[in-house]
Amino acid sequence: MTIAPVTENDLLAFVDDRLSLHRRHEVEDHLARCPADAHRVAADLALLEGLRVIFGRPLRGFYTSFLA
């Protein structure tokens, strides 16, 4: 079975917690092998946490809402 390459949309969906469990594991494996993407995802997660603190609510779907 081939694994689809991790795309920009996958990374954004990962940050937004909008991936299937199977795809989430694939992206996690990718992040373990790709420090640049891992750093970027960590920065995006920190940004979302900061916004959550400011607005006082979860922001699930923040990034993927721009892709619709």
C-alpha atoms as a PDB file:
ATOM      1  CA  MET A   1       0.000   0.000   0.000  1.00  0.00           C
ATOM      2  CA  THR A   2       1.337   3.390  -0.966  1.00  0.00           C
ATOM      3  CA  ILE A   3       1.048   6.392   1.267  1.00  0.00           C
ATOM      4  CA  ALA A   4      -0.028   9.609  -0.408  1.00  0.00           C
ATOM      5  CA  PRO A   5       2.527  12.406  -0.087  1.00  0.00           C
ATOM      6  CA  VAL A   6       1.837  14.890   2.698  1.00  0.00           C
ATOM      7  CA  THR A   7       0.569  18.132   1.198  1.00  0.00           C
ATOM      8  CA  GLU A   8       0.158  21.675   2.439  1.00  0.00           C
ATOM      9  CA  ASN A   9      -3.541  20.949   2.957  1.00  0.00           C
ATOM     10  CA  ASP A  10      -2.657  17.926   5.098  1.00  0.00           C
ATOM     11  CA  LEU A  11      -0.444  20.062   7.329  1.00  0.00           C
ATOM     12  CA  LEU A  12      -3.152  22.694   7.760  1.00  0.00           C
ATOM     13  CA  ALA A  13      -5.782  20.040   8.436  1.00  0.00           C
ATOM     14  CA  PHE A  14      -3.431  18.457  10.980  1.00  0.00           C
ATOM     15  CA  VAL A  15      -3.144  21.769  12.835  1.00  0.00           C
ATOM     16  CA  ASP A  16      -6.942  22.163  12.695  1.00  0.00           C
ATOM     17  CA  ASP A  17      -7.491  18.576  13.925  1.00  0.00           C
ATOM     18  CA  ARG A  18      -9.481  17.718  10.814  1.00  0.00           C
ATOM     19  CA  LEU A  19      -7.741  14.576   9.594  1.00  0.00           C
ATOM     20  CA  SER A  20      -8.911  11.011   9.857  1.00  0.00           C
ATOM     21  CA  LEU A  21      -7.045   9.035  12.482  1.00  0.00           C
ATOM     22  CA  HIS A  22      -5.261   7.041   9.773  1.00  0.00           C
ATOM     23  CA  ARG A  23      -4.134  10.150   7.871  1.00  0.00           C
ATOM     24  CA  ARG A  24      -3.163  11.872  11.137  1.00  0.00           C
ATOM     25  CA  HIS A  25      -0.752   8.995  11.862  1.00  0.00           C
ATOM     26  CA  GLU A  26       0.702   9.298   8.363  1.00  0.00           C
ATOM     27  CA  VAL A  27       1.252  13.030   8.848  1.00  0.00           C
ATOM     28  CA  GLU A  28       2.787  12.419  12.292  1.00  0.00           C
ATOM     29  CA  ASP A  29       5.221   9.955  10.685  1.00  0.00           C
ATOM     30  CA  HIS A  30       6.082  12.591   8.080  1.00  0.00           C
ATOM     31  CA  LEU A  31       6.649  15.233  10.764  1.00  0.00           C
ATOM     32  CA  ALA A  32       9.000  12.879  12.606  1.00  0.00           C
ATOM     33  CA  ARG A  33      11.129  12.686   9.434  1.00  0.00           C
ATOM     34  CA  CYS A  34      10.848  16.318   8.305  1.00  0.00           C
ATOM     35  CA  PRO A  35      12.131  18.845  10.853  1.00  0.00           C
ATOM     36  CA  ALA A  36      11.184  21.852   8.697  1.00  0.00           C
ATOM     37  CA  ASP A  37       7.511  20.823   8.495  1.00  0.00           C
ATOM     38  CA  ALA A  38       7.532  19.793  12.166  1.00  0.00           C
ATOM     39  CA  HIS A  39       8.848  23.221  13.154  1.00  0.00           C
ATOM     40  CA  ARG A  40       6.223  24.960  11.036  1.00  0.00           C
ATOM     41  CA  VAL A  41       3.380  22.853  12.442  1.00  0.00           C
ATOM     42  CA  ALA A  42       4.618  23.501  15.982  1.00  0.00           C
ATOM     43  CA  ALA A  43       4.629  27.251  15.280  1.00  0.00           C
ATOM     44  CA  ASP A  44       1.088  27.083  13.848  1.00  0.00           C
ATOM     45  CA  LEU A  45      -0.123  25.135  16.885  1.00  0.00           C
ATOM     46  CA  ALA A  46       1.456  27.718  19.196  1.00  0.00           C
ATOM     47  CA  LEU A  47      -0.223  30.510  17.233  1.00  0.00           C
ATOM     48  CA  LEU A  48      -3.609  28.810  17.536  1.00  0.00           C
ATOM     49  CA  GLU A  49      -3.082  28.335  21.266  1.00  0.00           C
ATOM     50  CA  GLY A  50      -2.308  32.042  21.620  1.00  0.00           C
ATOM     51  CA  LEU A  51      -5.460  32.949  19.707  1.00  0.00           C
ATOM     52  CA  ARG A  52      -7.462  30.548  21.848  1.00  0.00           C
ATOM     53  CA  VAL A  53      -6.205  32.299  24.957  1.00  0.00           C
ATOM     54  CA  ILE A  54      -7.055  35.722  23.523  1.00  0.00           C
ATOM     55  CA  PHE A  55     -10.526  34.759  22.287  1.00  0.00           C
ATOM     56  CA  GLY A  56     -11.252  32.290  25.091  1.00  0.00           C
ATOM     57  CA  ARG A  57     -12.521  29.500  22.873  1.00  0.00           C
ATOM     58  CA  PRO A  58     -11.212  26.703  20.665  1.00  0.00           C
ATOM     59  CA  LEU A  59     -10.469  27.692  17.095  1.00  0.00           C
ATOM     60  CA  ARG A  60     -10.857  24.332  15.391  1.00  0.00           C
ATOM     61  CA  GLY A  61     -10.950  24.794  11.657  1.00  0.00           C
ATOM     62  CA  PHE A  62      -9.162  28.160  11.717  1.00  0.00           C
ATOM     63  CA  TYR A  63      -6.784  27.351   8.861  1.00  0.00           C
ATOM     64  CA  THR A  64      -8.899  24.968   6.821  1.00  0.00           C
ATOM     65  CA  SER A  65     -11.740  27.500   6.742  1.00  0.00           C
ATOM     66  CA  PHE A  66      -9.559  29.536   4.359  1.00  0.00           C
ATOM     67  CA  LEU A  67      -9.298  26.602   1.950  1.00  0.00           C
ATOM     68  CA  ALA A  68     -13.045  26.199   1.422  1.00  0.00           C
END
